[in-house]
Amino acid sequence: MDSVAHSIILGILQAITEFLPISSSAHLTILPYFAKWQYQGLGFDVALHFGSLVGVLFYFRKDWIEIIGSAFSKVKKDNSNMLWFLVLATVPGALAGLFLEGYAETIFRNPRLIATTLIAFALILYAADKKSAKNENAKFDLKSALLIGLFQAMAIVPGVSRSGITITVALILGFTRNKSAKISFLLSTPIIFGAVLFEFKNFTPSQINPALIIGFLASAVTSWLAIKFLLNFVKKHPFNIFVIYRIILGICIVIFSLIK
């Protein structure tokens, strides 16, 4: 399979797994590992993350304009502190990425560890979804921002899933499924932006090629579609399908790792 085909597959995979609660890092680690695909390089990683950033920013462009405008407005509104809460919730994840990057690229990529986290956090998501009070009036305040942000840092371990853990904690705090997903998506914006900036320092224009551009476009378009799908899906359905998928994937990873 050529690099362009790899780019399309990995771009779509990055986007779908970034926003659905099934762990992008697990999929982007496991697929090339078992398929024996060659690493496409740092520039490609930047392109995929930048695509996801463009997708989520475009989908929530009106929300972000309102959030940023309210934060700097002299007139106090209900969401005046939303921007600062989102920034605060991003700090633990950013620190985890900064100080545990070496582990994330080595020890944390063990297939059996990934299988364990996929299954364990799937069960926690199931329990949270089942027991959640689902309060329509729940507010994203300082307490919820701190708690969700602290747990978001655990997503440095592949298989945990950034969207999965943030949705899980939001459900535990009493938010509805739809609001939990939206909080997760809004939180993804600064964390992905930070990842792009961090990776971009070693990026050079010479790394730009057709495969990279196609990967970026695939990631951007699919990110928008994945967000739209999940927000519509959780209005009527629980997260059970993602729980089942994670458990099956975890079992498959264990089996393949044993016979490899």
C-alpha atoms as a PDB file:
ATOM      1  CA  MET A   1       0.000   0.000   0.000  1.00  0.00           C
ATOM      2  CA  ASP A   2       1.493   3.405  -0.947  1.00  0.00           C
ATOM      3  CA  SER A   3       1.996   6.430   1.335  1.00  0.00           C
ATOM      4  CA  VAL A   4      -1.050   8.282  -0.040  1.00  0.00           C
ATOM      5  CA  ALA A   5      -3.334   5.386   0.865  1.00  0.00           C
ATOM      6  CA  HIS A   6      -1.690   5.234   4.293  1.00  0.00           C
ATOM      7  CA  SER A   7      -2.307   8.960   4.679  1.00  0.00           C
ATOM      8  CA  ILE A   8      -6.016   8.673   3.893  1.00  0.00           C
ATOM      9  CA  ILE A   9      -6.487   5.716   6.249  1.00  0.00           C
ATOM     10  CA  LEU A  10      -4.513   7.280   9.096  1.00  0.00           C
ATOM     11  CA  GLY A  11      -6.160  10.691   8.576  1.00  0.00           C
ATOM     12  CA  ILE A  12      -9.632   9.178   8.813  1.00  0.00           C
ATOM     13  CA  LEU A  13      -8.584   6.956  11.715  1.00  0.00           C
ATOM     14  CA  GLN A  14      -7.043   9.880  13.619  1.00  0.00           C
ATOM     15  CA  ALA A  15     -10.207  11.948  13.260  1.00  0.00           C
ATOM     16  CA  ILE A  16     -12.715   9.241  14.146  1.00  0.00           C
ATOM     17  CA  THR A  17     -10.786   7.972  17.137  1.00  0.00           C
ATOM     18  CA  GLU A  18      -9.834  11.469  18.361  1.00  0.00           C
ATOM     19  CA  PHE A  19     -13.441  12.442  18.971  1.00  0.00           C
ATOM     20  CA  LEU A  20     -15.217   9.133  19.560  1.00  0.00           C
ATOM     21  CA  PRO A  21     -14.452   7.630  23.005  1.00  0.00           C
ATOM     22  CA  ILE A  22     -12.295   4.784  21.643  1.00  0.00           C
ATOM     23  CA  SER A  23      -8.731   6.198  21.909  1.00  0.00           C
ATOM     24  CA  SER A  24      -6.878   7.659  18.936  1.00  0.00           C
ATOM     25  CA  SER A  25      -3.441   6.892  20.387  1.00  0.00           C
ATOM     26  CA  ALA A  26      -4.362   3.221  20.785  1.00  0.00           C
ATOM     27  CA  HIS A  27      -5.491   2.896  17.165  1.00  0.00           C
ATOM     28  CA  LEU A  28      -2.613   4.927  15.723  1.00  0.00           C
ATOM     29  CA  THR A  29      -0.161   2.806  17.712  1.00  0.00           C
ATOM     30  CA  ILE A  30      -1.697  -0.614  17.143  1.00  0.00           C
ATOM     31  CA  LEU A  31      -2.549  -0.416  13.413  1.00  0.00           C
ATOM     32  CA  PRO A  32       0.962   0.458  12.162  1.00  0.00           C
ATOM     33  CA  TYR A  33       2.427  -1.994  14.723  1.00  0.00           C
ATOM     34  CA  PHE A  34       0.512  -5.029  13.486  1.00  0.00           C
ATOM     35  CA  ALA A  35       0.379  -3.919   9.830  1.00  0.00           C
ATOM     36  CA  LYS A  36       4.142  -3.185   9.932  1.00  0.00           C
ATOM     37  CA  TRP A  37       3.669   0.255   8.380  1.00  0.00           C
ATOM     38  CA  GLN A  38       6.639   2.559   8.354  1.00  0.00           C
ATOM     39  CA  TYR A  39       6.386   5.672  10.559  1.00  0.00           C
ATOM     40  CA  GLN A  40       5.536   8.625   8.312  1.00  0.00           C
ATOM     41  CA  GLY A  41       7.425  11.178  10.361  1.00  0.00           C
ATOM     42  CA  LEU A  42       6.808  14.130  12.661  1.00  0.00           C
ATOM     43  CA  GLY A  43       5.483  16.311   9.826  1.00  0.00           C
ATOM     44  CA  PHE A  44       2.710  13.811   9.219  1.00  0.00           C
ATOM     45  CA  ASP A  45       1.791  13.800  12.935  1.00  0.00           C
ATOM     46  CA  VAL A  46       1.531  17.594  12.836  1.00  0.00           C
ATOM     47  CA  ALA A  47      -0.670  17.444   9.737  1.00  0.00           C
ATOM     48  CA  LEU A  48      -3.103  14.939  11.281  1.00  0.00           C
ATOM     49  CA  HIS A  49      -3.427  16.892  14.523  1.00  0.00           C
ATOM     50  CA  PHE A  50      -3.775  20.157  12.640  1.00  0.00           C
ATOM     51  CA  GLY A  51      -6.552  18.575  10.579  1.00  0.00           C
ATOM     52  CA  SER A  52      -8.408  17.561  13.749  1.00  0.00           C
ATOM     53  CA  LEU A  53      -7.930  21.087  15.121  1.00  0.00           C
ATOM     54  CA  VAL A  54      -9.388  22.650  11.966  1.00  0.00           C
ATOM     55  CA  GLY A  55     -12.336  20.236  12.066  1.00  0.00           C
ATOM     56  CA  VAL A  56     -13.281  20.939  15.695  1.00  0.00           C
ATOM     57  CA  LEU A  57     -12.729  24.694  15.355  1.00  0.00           C
ATOM     58  CA  PHE A  58     -14.943  24.857  12.286  1.00  0.00           C
ATOM     59  CA  TYR A  59     -17.726  22.855  13.936  1.00  0.00           C
ATOM     60  CA  PHE A  60     -17.720  24.960  17.115  1.00  0.00           C
ATOM     61  CA  ARG A  61     -16.738  28.263  15.508  1.00  0.00           C
ATOM     62  CA  LYS A  62     -19.854  30.060  16.809  1.00  0.00           C
ATOM     63  CA  ASP A  63     -19.349  28.669  20.312  1.00  0.00           C
ATOM     64  CA  TRP A  64     -15.725  29.775  20.396  1.00  0.00           C
ATOM     65  CA  ILE A  65     -16.557  33.267  19.157  1.00  0.00           C
ATOM     66  CA  GLU A  66     -19.138  33.555  21.953  1.00  0.00           C
ATOM     67  CA  ILE A  67     -16.828  32.024  24.593  1.00  0.00           C
ATOM     68  CA  ILE A  68     -13.914  34.318  23.738  1.00  0.00           C
ATOM     69  CA  GLY A  69     -16.181  37.367  23.390  1.00  0.00           C
ATOM     70  CA  SER A  70     -17.830  36.718  26.769  1.00  0.00           C
ATOM     71  CA  ALA A  71     -14.464  36.253  28.469  1.00  0.00           C
ATOM     72  CA  PHE A  72     -13.327  39.756  27.513  1.00  0.00           C
ATOM     73  CA  SER A  73     -16.689  41.501  27.681  1.00  0.00           C
ATOM     74  CA  LYS A  74     -17.342  44.074  30.384  1.00  0.00           C
ATOM     75  CA  VAL A  75     -20.869  42.711  30.690  1.00  0.00           C
ATOM     76  CA  LYS A  76     -20.958  39.585  32.851  1.00  0.00           C
ATOM     77  CA  LYS A  77     -22.708  36.608  31.257  1.00  0.00           C
ATOM     78  CA  ASP A  78     -23.365  33.001  32.288  1.00  0.00           C
ATOM     79  CA  ASN A  79     -20.379  31.806  30.259  1.00  0.00           C
ATOM     80  CA  SER A  80     -17.996  34.674  31.078  1.00  0.00           C
ATOM     81  CA  ASN A  81     -15.571  32.289  32.810  1.00  0.00           C
ATOM     82  CA  MET A  82     -15.935  29.436  30.312  1.00  0.00           C
ATOM     83  CA  LEU A  83     -12.710  30.268  28.456  1.00  0.00           C
ATOM     84  CA  TRP A  84     -10.654  30.364  31.661  1.00  0.00           C
ATOM     85  CA  PHE A  85     -12.194  27.099  32.893  1.00  0.00           C
ATOM     86  CA  LEU A  86     -11.298  25.419  29.585  1.00  0.00           C
ATOM     87  CA  VAL A  87      -7.737  26.752  29.777  1.00  0.00           C
ATOM     88  CA  LEU A  88      -7.436  25.595  33.398  1.00  0.00           C
ATOM     89  CA  ALA A  89      -8.733  22.121  32.516  1.00  0.00           C
ATOM     90  CA  THR A  90      -6.068  21.867  29.797  1.00  0.00           C
ATOM     91  CA  VAL A  91      -3.094  22.476  32.113  1.00  0.00           C
ATOM     92  CA  PRO A  92      -2.844  18.949  33.670  1.00  0.00           C
ATOM     93  CA  GLY A  93      -2.975  17.302  30.238  1.00  0.00           C
ATOM     94  CA  ALA A  94      -0.353  19.690  28.877  1.00  0.00           C
ATOM     95  CA  LEU A  95       1.968  18.993  31.833  1.00  0.00           C
ATOM     96  CA  ALA A  96       1.470  15.239  31.437  1.00  0.00           C
ATOM     97  CA  GLY A  97       2.368  15.508  27.754  1.00  0.00           C
ATOM     98  CA  LEU A  98       5.440  17.596  28.566  1.00  0.00           C
ATOM     99  CA  PHE A  99       6.896  15.447  31.342  1.00  0.00           C
ATOM    100  CA  LEU A 100       5.743  11.986  30.272  1.00  0.00           C
ATOM    101  CA  GLU A 101       6.420  12.267  26.533  1.00  0.00           C
ATOM    102  CA  GLY A 102       9.260   9.746  26.753  1.00  0.00           C
ATOM    103  CA  TYR A 103       7.038   7.153  28.424  1.00  0.00           C
ATOM    104  CA  ALA A 104       4.220   7.843  25.956  1.00  0.00           C
ATOM    105  CA  GLU A 105       6.557   6.993  23.071  1.00  0.00           C
ATOM    106  CA  THR A 106       8.003   3.843  24.672  1.00  0.00           C
ATOM    107  CA  ILE A 107       6.627   2.063  27.766  1.00  0.00           C
ATOM    108  CA  PHE A 108       3.022   3.196  27.310  1.00  0.00           C
ATOM    109  CA  ARG A 109       2.918   1.725  23.784  1.00  0.00           C
ATOM    110  CA  ASN A 110       2.953  -1.857  25.011  1.00  0.00           C
ATOM    111  CA  PRO A 111       0.034  -3.639  23.250  1.00  0.00           C
ATOM    112  CA  ARG A 112      -1.090  -5.475  26.389  1.00  0.00           C
ATOM    113  CA  LEU A 113      -1.114  -2.256  28.403  1.00  0.00           C
ATOM    114  CA  ILE A 114      -3.204  -0.644  25.665  1.00  0.00           C
ATOM    115  CA  ALA A 115      -5.598  -3.626  25.701  1.00  0.00           C
ATOM    116  CA  THR A 116      -5.950  -3.330  29.482  1.00  0.00           C
ATOM    117  CA  THR A 117      -6.713   0.392  29.441  1.00  0.00           C
ATOM    118  CA  LEU A 118      -9.148   0.000  26.546  1.00  0.00           C
ATOM    119  CA  ILE A 119     -11.184  -2.560  28.468  1.00  0.00           C
ATOM    120  CA  ALA A 120     -10.874  -1.061  31.963  1.00  0.00           C
ATOM    121  CA  PHE A 121     -11.898   2.452  30.948  1.00  0.00           C
ATOM    122  CA  ALA A 122     -14.676   1.071  28.738  1.00  0.00           C
ATOM    123  CA  LEU A 123     -16.220  -0.502  31.835  1.00  0.00           C
ATOM    124  CA  ILE A 124     -15.824   2.741  33.774  1.00  0.00           C
ATOM    125  CA  LEU A 125     -17.539   4.646  30.943  1.00  0.00           C
ATOM    126  CA  TYR A 126     -20.387   2.121  30.993  1.00  0.00           C
ATOM    127  CA  ALA A 127     -20.841   2.480  34.755  1.00  0.00           C
ATOM    128  CA  ALA A 128     -20.704   6.284  34.580  1.00  0.00           C
ATOM    129  CA  ASP A 129     -23.250   6.401  31.757  1.00  0.00           C
ATOM    130  CA  LYS A 130     -25.588   4.026  33.584  1.00  0.00           C
ATOM    131  CA  LYS A 131     -25.397   5.776  36.970  1.00  0.00           C
ATOM    132  CA  SER A 132     -25.203   9.399  35.830  1.00  0.00           C
ATOM    133  CA  ALA A 133     -27.890  11.759  37.126  1.00  0.00           C
ATOM    134  CA  LYS A 134     -27.909  13.508  33.719  1.00  0.00           C
ATOM    135  CA  ASN A 135     -28.812  16.908  35.106  1.00  0.00           C
ATOM    136  CA  GLU A 136     -29.898  19.325  32.354  1.00  0.00           C
ATOM    137  CA  ASN A 137     -28.924  22.239  34.614  1.00  0.00           C
ATOM    138  CA  ALA A 138     -25.405  21.037  35.474  1.00  0.00           C
ATOM    139  CA  LYS A 139     -22.867  23.851  35.106  1.00  0.00           C
ATOM    140  CA  PHE A 140     -19.291  23.688  33.867  1.00  0.00           C
ATOM    141  CA  ASP A 141     -17.685  25.524  36.801  1.00  0.00           C
ATOM    142  CA  LEU A 142     -14.278  25.676  38.492  1.00  0.00           C
ATOM    143  CA  LYS A 143     -14.762  22.336  40.293  1.00  0.00           C
ATOM    144  CA  SER A 144     -15.814  20.427  37.178  1.00  0.00           C
ATOM    145  CA  ALA A 145     -13.031  22.037  35.121  1.00  0.00           C
ATOM    146  CA  LEU A 146     -10.401  20.946  37.663  1.00  0.00           C
ATOM    147  CA  LEU A 147     -11.724  17.393  37.961  1.00  0.00           C
ATOM    148  CA  ILE A 148     -12.176  16.829  34.224  1.00  0.00           C
ATOM    149  CA  GLY A 149      -8.795  18.410  33.539  1.00  0.00           C
ATOM    150  CA  LEU A 150      -6.983  16.210  36.057  1.00  0.00           C
ATOM    151  CA  PHE A 151      -8.470  13.035  34.628  1.00  0.00           C
ATOM    152  CA  GLN A 152      -7.846  14.216  31.059  1.00  0.00           C
ATOM    153  CA  ALA A 153      -4.122  13.989  31.860  1.00  0.00           C
ATOM    154  CA  MET A 154      -4.520  10.192  32.078  1.00  0.00           C
ATOM    155  CA  ALA A 155      -5.091  10.128  28.317  1.00  0.00           C
ATOM    156  CA  ILE A 156      -1.310  10.251  27.887  1.00  0.00           C
ATOM    157  CA  VAL A 157      -1.606   6.463  28.207  1.00  0.00           C
ATOM    158  CA  PRO A 158      -2.861   4.953  24.906  1.00  0.00           C
ATOM    159  CA  GLY A 159      -6.170   3.186  25.353  1.00  0.00           C
ATOM    160  CA  VAL A 160      -7.544   5.563  27.989  1.00  0.00           C
ATOM    161  CA  SER A 161      -8.966   7.920  25.331  1.00  0.00           C
ATOM    162  CA  ARG A 162      -8.991  11.667  25.933  1.00  0.00           C
ATOM    163  CA  SER A 163     -12.590  12.019  24.777  1.00  0.00           C
ATOM    164  CA  GLY A 164     -13.542   8.853  26.654  1.00  0.00           C
ATOM    165  CA  ILE A 165     -12.158   9.926  30.029  1.00  0.00           C
ATOM    166  CA  THR A 166     -13.481  13.501  29.797  1.00  0.00           C
ATOM    167  CA  ILE A 167     -16.951  12.270  28.823  1.00  0.00           C
ATOM    168  CA  THR A 168     -16.829   9.722  31.662  1.00  0.00           C
ATOM    169  CA  VAL A 169     -15.957  12.311  34.318  1.00  0.00           C
ATOM    170  CA  ALA A 170     -18.544  14.754  32.964  1.00  0.00           C
ATOM    171  CA  LEU A 171     -21.198  12.008  33.216  1.00  0.00           C
ATOM    172  CA  ILE A 172     -20.133  11.274  36.809  1.00  0.00           C
ATOM    173  CA  LEU A 173     -20.509  14.978  37.588  1.00  0.00           C
ATOM    174  CA  GLY A 174     -24.103  14.790  36.353  1.00  0.00           C
ATOM    175  CA  PHE A 175     -23.919  16.274  32.866  1.00  0.00           C
ATOM    176  CA  THR A 176     -26.149  14.850  30.132  1.00  0.00           C
ATOM    177  CA  ARG A 177     -24.592  12.696  27.418  1.00  0.00           C
ATOM    178  CA  ASN A 178     -24.841  15.495  24.856  1.00  0.00           C
ATOM    179  CA  LYS A 179     -23.378  18.119  27.213  1.00  0.00           C
ATOM    180  CA  SER A 180     -20.611  15.728  28.287  1.00  0.00           C
ATOM    181  CA  ALA A 181     -19.638  15.170  24.649  1.00  0.00           C
ATOM    182  CA  LYS A 182     -19.715  18.901  23.923  1.00  0.00           C
ATOM    183  CA  ILE A 183     -17.506  19.662  26.931  1.00  0.00           C
ATOM    184  CA  SER A 184     -15.087  16.994  25.717  1.00  0.00           C
ATOM    185  CA  PHE A 185     -14.974  18.509  22.229  1.00  0.00           C
ATOM    186  CA  LEU A 186     -14.448  22.049  23.512  1.00  0.00           C
ATOM    187  CA  LEU A 187     -11.661  20.771  25.771  1.00  0.00           C
ATOM    188  CA  SER A 188     -10.044  19.052  22.796  1.00  0.00           C
ATOM    189  CA  THR A 189      -9.436  22.381  21.067  1.00  0.00           C
ATOM    190  CA  PRO A 190      -6.740  23.825  23.378  1.00  0.00           C
ATOM    191  CA  ILE A 191      -5.120  20.415  23.996  1.00  0.00           C
ATOM    192  CA  ILE A 192      -4.837  19.662  20.263  1.00  0.00           C
ATOM    193  CA  PHE A 193      -3.679  23.229  19.608  1.00  0.00           C
ATOM    194  CA  GLY A 194      -0.975  22.766  22.241  1.00  0.00           C
ATOM    195  CA  ALA A 195       0.081  19.452  20.686  1.00  0.00           C
ATOM    196  CA  VAL A 196       0.356  21.076  17.248  1.00  0.00           C
ATOM    197  CA  LEU A 197       2.487  23.916  18.639  1.00  0.00           C
ATOM    198  CA  PHE A 198       4.708  21.479  20.521  1.00  0.00           C
ATOM    199  CA  GLU A 199       5.279  19.308  17.453  1.00  0.00           C
ATOM    200  CA  PHE A 200       5.555  22.260  15.056  1.00  0.00           C
ATOM    201  CA  LYS A 201       8.904  23.435  16.437  1.00  0.00           C
ATOM    202  CA  ASN A 202      10.637  20.648  14.506  1.00  0.00           C
ATOM    203  CA  PHE A 203       8.491  20.954  11.391  1.00  0.00           C
ATOM    204  CA  THR A 204      10.045  22.254   8.168  1.00  0.00           C
ATOM    205  CA  PRO A 205       8.398  23.214   4.846  1.00  0.00           C
ATOM    206  CA  SER A 206      10.461  20.498   3.137  1.00  0.00           C
ATOM    207  CA  GLN A 207       8.289  17.903   4.902  1.00  0.00           C
ATOM    208  CA  ILE A 208       5.220  19.020   2.940  1.00  0.00           C
ATOM    209  CA  ASN A 209       4.238  16.492   0.293  1.00  0.00           C
ATOM    210  CA  PRO A 210       1.015  15.170  -1.326  1.00  0.00           C
ATOM    211  CA  ALA A 211       0.624  12.408   1.295  1.00  0.00           C
ATOM    212  CA  LEU A 212       0.853  14.951   4.119  1.00  0.00           C
ATOM    213  CA  ILE A 213      -1.700  17.286   2.508  1.00  0.00           C
ATOM    214  CA  ILE A 214      -4.117  14.421   1.858  1.00  0.00           C
ATOM    215  CA  GLY A 215      -3.709  13.218   5.447  1.00  0.00           C
ATOM    216  CA  PHE A 216      -4.513  16.702   6.720  1.00  0.00           C
ATOM    217  CA  LEU A 217      -7.650  17.001   4.550  1.00  0.00           C
ATOM    218  CA  ALA A 218      -8.844  13.512   5.512  1.00  0.00           C
ATOM    219  CA  SER A 219      -8.376  14.331   9.185  1.00  0.00           C
ATOM    220  CA  ALA A 220     -10.129  17.733   8.969  1.00  0.00           C
ATOM    221  CA  VAL A 221     -13.218  16.527   7.096  1.00  0.00           C
ATOM    222  CA  THR A 222     -13.592  13.332   9.102  1.00  0.00           C
ATOM    223  CA  SER A 223     -13.167  15.221  12.399  1.00  0.00           C
ATOM    224  CA  TRP A 224     -16.127  17.432  11.538  1.00  0.00           C
ATOM    225  CA  LEU A 225     -18.206  14.384  10.595  1.00  0.00           C
ATOM    226  CA  ALA A 226     -17.213  12.455  13.745  1.00  0.00           C
ATOM    227  CA  ILE A 227     -18.225  15.349  16.007  1.00  0.00           C
ATOM    228  CA  LYS A 228     -21.547  15.768  14.232  1.00  0.00           C
ATOM    229  CA  PHE A 229     -22.214  12.027  14.438  1.00  0.00           C
ATOM    230  CA  LEU A 230     -21.508  11.671  18.161  1.00  0.00           C
ATOM    231  CA  LEU A 231     -23.519  14.732  19.213  1.00  0.00           C
ATOM    232  CA  ASN A 232     -26.518  13.418  17.278  1.00  0.00           C
ATOM    233  CA  PHE A 233     -25.994   9.803  18.391  1.00  0.00           C
ATOM    234  CA  VAL A 234     -25.936  10.471  22.136  1.00  0.00           C
ATOM    235  CA  LYS A 235     -29.202  12.394  22.035  1.00  0.00           C
ATOM    236  CA  LYS A 236     -31.002   9.058  21.741  1.00  0.00           C
ATOM    237  CA  HIS A 237     -28.458   6.359  22.580  1.00  0.00           C
ATOM    238  CA  PRO A 238     -26.115   5.436  25.465  1.00  0.00           C
ATOM    239  CA  PHE A 239     -22.389   4.850  24.968  1.00  0.00           C
ATOM    240  CA  ASN A 240     -22.804   1.053  24.997  1.00  0.00           C
ATOM    241  CA  ILE A 241     -21.691   0.561  21.385  1.00  0.00           C
ATOM    242  CA  PHE A 242     -18.343   2.228  22.129  1.00  0.00           C
ATOM    243  CA  VAL A 243     -17.948   0.204  25.330  1.00  0.00           C
ATOM    244  CA  ILE A 244     -18.514  -3.050  23.425  1.00  0.00           C
ATOM    245  CA  TYR A 245     -16.147  -1.984  20.627  1.00  0.00           C
ATOM    246  CA  ARG A 246     -13.371  -1.143  23.107  1.00  0.00           C
ATOM    247  CA  ILE A 247     -13.723  -4.477  24.898  1.00  0.00           C
ATOM    248  CA  ILE A 248     -13.653  -6.449  21.626  1.00  0.00           C
ATOM    249  CA  LEU A 249     -10.661  -4.440  20.389  1.00  0.00           C
ATOM    250  CA  GLY A 250      -8.824  -4.996  23.665  1.00  0.00           C
ATOM    251  CA  ILE A 251      -9.394  -8.753  23.485  1.00  0.00           C
ATOM    252  CA  CYS A 252      -8.259  -8.836  19.840  1.00  0.00           C
ATOM    253  CA  ILE A 253      -5.068  -6.939  20.709  1.00  0.00           C
ATOM    254  CA  VAL A 254      -4.239  -9.464  23.439  1.00  0.00           C
ATOM    255  CA  ILE A 255      -4.841 -12.382  21.073  1.00  0.00           C
ATOM    256  CA  PHE A 256      -2.731 -10.869  18.265  1.00  0.00           C
ATOM    257  CA  SER A 257       0.064  -9.960  20.674  1.00  0.00           C
ATOM    258  CA  LEU A 258       0.196 -13.570  21.861  1.00  0.00           C
ATOM    259  CA  ILE A 259       0.384 -15.091  18.382  1.00  0.00           C
ATOM    260  CA  LYS A 260       2.583 -12.414  16.789  1.00  0.00           C
END
